[in-house]
């Protein structure tokens, strides 16, 4: 086993190699958690934001279903 087998791969989605931090497509540095490693709290969205987004998504789907029902019933005559 060589020393290069133990090093982390620091490549971005475009294939460009970075020195230390992983960079996104816009060039800004993002500290991503290593694959298979523990998920740190700062790598996740806050629980309140997650619940709010879920409620908004469900609410928007209910409104869209209601509008679809209105158009369906109006066209049935």
C-alpha atoms as a PDB file:
ATOM      1  CA  UNK A   1       0.000   0.000   0.000  1.00  0.00           C
ATOM      2  CA  UNK A   2       1.518   3.293  -1.037  1.00  0.00           C
ATOM      3  CA  UNK A   3       1.233   6.687   0.573  1.00  0.00           C
ATOM      4  CA  UNK A   4      -0.927   7.958  -2.321  1.00  0.00           C
ATOM      5  CA  UNK A   5      -3.586   5.333  -1.518  1.00  0.00           C
ATOM      6  CA  UNK A   6      -4.220   6.999   1.854  1.00  0.00           C
ATOM      7  CA  UNK A   7      -4.706  10.563   0.578  1.00  0.00           C
ATOM      8  CA  UNK A   8      -8.082  12.168  -0.016  1.00  0.00           C
ATOM      9  CA  UNK A   9      -9.126  13.009  -3.548  1.00  0.00           C
ATOM     10  CA  UNK A  10      -9.555  16.801  -3.787  1.00  0.00           C
ATOM     11  CA  UNK A  11     -11.260  17.115  -7.149  1.00  0.00           C
ATOM     12  CA  UNK A  12     -14.295  19.193  -7.994  1.00  0.00           C
ATOM     13  CA  UNK A  13     -17.237  18.284 -10.219  1.00  0.00           C
ATOM     14  CA  UNK A  14     -15.403  19.745 -13.229  1.00  0.00           C
ATOM     15  CA  UNK A  15     -12.324  17.663 -12.492  1.00  0.00           C
ATOM     16  CA  UNK A  16     -10.139  20.548 -11.346  1.00  0.00           C
ATOM     17  CA  UNK A  17      -7.871  19.736  -8.434  1.00  0.00           C
ATOM     18  CA  UNK A  18      -7.908  22.050  -5.437  1.00  0.00           C
ATOM     19  CA  UNK A  19      -5.313  22.506  -2.773  1.00  0.00           C
ATOM     20  CA  UNK A  20      -7.281  22.123   0.426  1.00  0.00           C
ATOM     21  CA  UNK A  21     -10.892  23.213   0.287  1.00  0.00           C
ATOM     22  CA  UNK A  22     -13.482  21.859  -2.088  1.00  0.00           C
ATOM     23  CA  UNK A  23     -14.769  24.557  -4.404  1.00  0.00           C
ATOM     24  CA  UNK A  24     -18.169  24.699  -5.994  1.00  0.00           C
ATOM     25  CA  UNK A  25     -18.951  25.567  -9.585  1.00  0.00           C
ATOM     26  CA  UNK A  26     -19.007  29.281  -8.742  1.00  0.00           C
ATOM     27  CA  UNK A  27     -15.501  29.192  -7.273  1.00  0.00           C
ATOM     28  CA  UNK A  28     -16.546  29.646  -3.651  1.00  0.00           C
ATOM     29  CA  UNK A  29     -15.105  27.288  -1.058  1.00  0.00           C
ATOM     30  CA  UNK A  30     -17.503  24.877   0.653  1.00  0.00           C
ATOM     31  CA  UNK A  31     -16.403  22.574   3.455  1.00  0.00           C
ATOM     32  CA  UNK A  32     -18.224  19.387   2.499  1.00  0.00           C
ATOM     33  CA  UNK A  33     -18.291  16.374   4.800  1.00  0.00           C
ATOM     34  CA  UNK A  34     -16.194  13.456   3.569  1.00  0.00           C
ATOM     35  CA  UNK A  35     -18.093  10.627   1.958  1.00  0.00           C
ATOM     36  CA  UNK A  36     -19.067   7.967   4.440  1.00  0.00           C
ATOM     37  CA  UNK A  37     -17.958  10.102   7.358  1.00  0.00           C
ATOM     38  CA  UNK A  38     -20.110  11.379  10.192  1.00  0.00           C
ATOM     39  CA  UNK A  39     -22.553  14.159   9.335  1.00  0.00           C
ATOM     40  CA  UNK A  40     -21.673  17.243  11.314  1.00  0.00           C
ATOM     41  CA  UNK A  41     -24.414  19.548  12.539  1.00  0.00           C
ATOM     42  CA  UNK A  42     -23.109  22.516  10.535  1.00  0.00           C
ATOM     43  CA  UNK A  43     -23.402  20.459   7.315  1.00  0.00           C
ATOM     44  CA  UNK A  44     -27.186  20.155   7.684  1.00  0.00           C
ATOM     45  CA  UNK A  45     -29.971  22.722   7.402  1.00  0.00           C
ATOM     46  CA  UNK A  46     -31.622  23.800  10.669  1.00  0.00           C
ATOM     47  CA  UNK A  47     -34.604  21.664  11.670  1.00  0.00           C
ATOM     48  CA  UNK A  48     -36.981  24.655  11.595  1.00  0.00           C
ATOM     49  CA  UNK A  49     -36.047  25.398   7.995  1.00  0.00           C
ATOM     50  CA  UNK A  50     -36.494  21.758   6.997  1.00  0.00           C
ATOM     51  CA  UNK A  51     -39.983  21.599   8.543  1.00  0.00           C
ATOM     52  CA  UNK A  52     -40.978  24.930   6.974  1.00  0.00           C
ATOM     53  CA  UNK A  53     -39.864  23.832   3.502  1.00  0.00           C
ATOM     54  CA  UNK A  54     -41.763  20.555   3.907  1.00  0.00           C
ATOM     55  CA  UNK A  55     -44.941  22.409   4.943  1.00  0.00           C
ATOM     56  CA  UNK A  56     -44.589  24.829   2.022  1.00  0.00           C
ATOM     57  CA  UNK A  57     -44.135  21.963  -0.440  1.00  0.00           C
ATOM     58  CA  UNK A  58     -47.184  20.099   0.886  1.00  0.00           C
ATOM     59  CA  UNK A  59     -49.240  23.321   0.912  1.00  0.00           C
ATOM     60  CA  UNK A  60     -48.308  24.202  -2.668  1.00  0.00           C
ATOM     61  CA  UNK A  61     -49.279  20.711  -3.809  1.00  0.00           C
ATOM     62  CA  UNK A  62     -52.654  20.998  -2.064  1.00  0.00           C
ATOM     63  CA  UNK A  63     -53.307  24.367  -3.728  1.00  0.00           C
ATOM     64  CA  UNK A  64     -52.278  22.968  -7.123  1.00  0.00           C
ATOM     65  CA  UNK A  65     -54.561  19.946  -6.615  1.00  0.00           C
ATOM     66  CA  UNK A  66     -57.449  22.245  -5.663  1.00  0.00           C
ATOM     67  CA  UNK A  67     -56.935  24.384  -8.785  1.00  0.00           C
ATOM     68  CA  UNK A  68     -56.710  21.244 -10.911  1.00  0.00           C
ATOM     69  CA  UNK A  69     -59.998  20.050  -9.395  1.00  0.00           C
ATOM     70  CA  UNK A  70     -61.653  23.415 -10.127  1.00  0.00           C
ATOM     71  CA  UNK A  71     -60.583  23.329 -13.782  1.00  0.00           C
ATOM     72  CA  UNK A  72     -61.597  19.682 -14.079  1.00  0.00           C
ATOM     73  CA  UNK A  73     -65.073  20.342 -12.657  1.00  0.00           C
ATOM     74  CA  UNK A  74     -65.530  23.502 -14.748  1.00  0.00           C
ATOM     75  CA  UNK A  75     -64.670  21.613 -17.941  1.00  0.00           C
ATOM     76  CA  UNK A  76     -66.990  18.696 -17.136  1.00  0.00           C
ATOM     77  CA  UNK A  77     -70.157  20.638 -18.035  1.00  0.00           C
END
